[in-house]
Amino acid sequence: MRSRYRSSRSVEMPSRGSQPEEGAALSSADNSTPHKEDLSSKIKEQKIVVDELSNLKKNRKVYRQQQNSNIFFLADRTEMLSESKNILDELKKEYQEIENSEKTKIKK
């Protein structure tokens, strides 16, 4: 379930629905490691998306892929950049929460 943005090159961006829920609790440290690695890779992907959208020329067109479809719709570049930055911030926040919870588990 990924949204894609297309310009001269294709860029994939995870959609909001594919992110883990904010209230999702981790049951043990064993579960947090794969989740943390997954988040880390999503953060790297999202940084690339933000970078690609930031470096586009003003006149370039950006397309968003409909979920579960091969249909693309024209999208506003500035809106997509803003949304991408927000998603990146959410992912970083979630990653930081996991790191903080791991630190508190170690202290106990």
Protein backbone atom coordinates (compact mmCIF):
# COMPACT_ATOMS: atom_id res chain seq x y z
CA MET A 1 0.00 0.00 0.00
CA ARG A 2 2.24 2.78 -1.22
CA SER A 3 1.48 6.03 -2.88
CA ARG A 4 3.76 6.95 -5.71
CA TYR A 5 4.73 10.35 -6.88
CA ARG A 6 6.02 10.61 -10.40
CA SER A 7 7.97 13.30 -12.10
CA SER A 8 10.92 12.73 -14.36
CA ARG A 9 11.75 9.86 -12.00
CA SER A 10 9.38 7.77 -9.93
CA VAL A 11 9.43 8.21 -6.17
CA GLU A 12 7.57 5.98 -3.76
CA MET A 13 6.03 7.29 -0.59
CA PRO A 14 4.31 5.23 2.09
CA SER A 15 0.70 6.23 2.48
CA ARG A 16 -0.74 7.23 5.82
CA GLY A 17 -2.72 4.00 6.02
CA SER A 18 0.41 1.87 5.88
CA GLN A 19 1.95 3.39 8.99
CA PRO A 20 1.58 1.59 12.31
CA GLU A 21 -1.03 3.00 14.66
CA GLU A 22 0.20 5.56 17.16
CA GLY A 23 -1.16 3.63 20.14
CA ALA A 24 0.43 0.35 19.14
CA ALA A 25 2.25 -0.97 22.20
CA LEU A 26 5.30 -3.18 21.99
CA SER A 27 5.02 -6.35 24.06
CA SER A 28 8.73 -7.12 24.32
CA ALA A 29 12.15 -6.00 23.15
CA ASP A 30 12.14 -8.85 20.61
CA ASN A 31 9.21 -7.26 18.81
CA SER A 32 10.72 -3.77 18.86
CA THR A 33 13.87 -4.64 16.91
CA PRO A 34 12.13 -5.66 13.64
CA HIS A 35 9.69 -2.77 14.07
CA LYS A 36 12.57 -0.37 14.70
CA GLU A 37 14.41 -1.63 11.62
CA ASP A 38 11.23 -1.29 9.55
CA LEU A 39 10.78 2.27 10.80
CA SER A 40 14.40 3.04 10.03
CA SER A 41 14.00 1.91 6.42
CA LYS A 42 10.74 3.89 6.09
CA ILE A 43 12.52 6.97 7.41
CA LYS A 44 15.28 6.54 4.83
CA GLU A 45 12.67 6.15 2.05
CA GLN A 46 10.79 9.20 3.26
CA LYS A 47 13.96 11.31 3.38
CA ILE A 48 14.56 10.42 -0.26
CA VAL A 49 10.99 11.37 -1.17
CA VAL A 50 11.34 14.74 0.57
CA ASP A 51 14.68 15.34 -1.12
CA GLU A 52 13.33 14.42 -4.57
CA LEU A 53 10.27 16.64 -4.17
CA SER A 54 12.39 19.50 -2.79
CA ASN A 55 14.73 19.42 -5.76
CA LEU A 56 12.08 19.39 -8.47
CA LYS A 57 11.86 22.41 -10.72
CA LYS A 58 8.77 24.55 -10.13
CA ASN A 59 7.22 23.64 -13.48
CA ARG A 60 7.55 19.84 -13.03
CA LYS A 61 4.37 17.85 -12.64
CA VAL A 62 3.86 15.41 -9.78
CA TYR A 63 1.45 12.49 -9.86
CA ARG A 64 -0.02 10.52 -6.98
CA GLN A 65 -0.89 6.86 -7.42
CA GLN A 66 -4.25 5.69 -6.17
CA GLN A 67 -4.03 2.93 -3.58
CA ASN A 68 -4.24 -0.59 -4.99
CA SER A 69 -4.39 0.77 -8.51
CA ASN A 70 -2.27 1.70 -11.48
CA ILE A 71 -4.10 5.00 -11.87
CA PHE A 72 -2.18 8.24 -11.33
CA PHE A 73 -3.67 11.68 -10.65
CA LEU A 74 -2.02 15.05 -10.98
CA ALA A 75 -1.08 16.43 -7.55
CA ASP A 76 0.22 19.73 -6.24
CA ARG A 77 4.00 19.61 -5.68
CA THR A 78 3.98 21.87 -2.62
CA GLU A 79 1.16 19.89 -0.98
CA MET A 80 3.00 16.63 -1.61
CA LEU A 81 6.20 18.08 -0.19
CA SER A 82 4.39 19.31 2.90
CA GLU A 83 2.64 15.97 3.38
CA SER A 84 5.93 14.11 2.89
CA LYS A 85 7.64 16.23 5.53
CA ASN A 86 4.78 15.62 7.97
CA ILE A 87 4.99 11.86 7.42
CA LEU A 88 8.76 11.99 7.92
CA ASP A 89 8.28 13.88 11.20
CA GLU A 90 5.72 11.30 12.39
CA LEU A 91 8.06 8.43 11.54
CA LYS A 92 10.97 10.10 13.34
CA LYS A 93 8.77 10.73 16.38
CA GLU A 94 7.66 7.11 16.49
CA TYR A 95 11.27 5.92 16.10
CA GLN A 96 12.35 8.20 18.96
CA GLU A 97 9.54 6.85 21.17
CA ILE A 98 10.76 3.30 20.56
CA GLU A 99 14.33 4.28 21.40
CA ASN A 100 13.18 6.01 24.59
CA SER A 101 11.10 3.01 25.65
CA GLU A 102 14.08 0.71 25.06
CA LYS A 103 16.26 2.94 27.23
CA THR A 104 13.72 2.87 30.06
CA LYS A 105 13.50 -0.94 29.84
CA ILE A 106 17.27 -1.20 30.15
CA LYS A 107 17.31 1.07 33.22
CA LYS A 108 14.72 -1.09 35.03
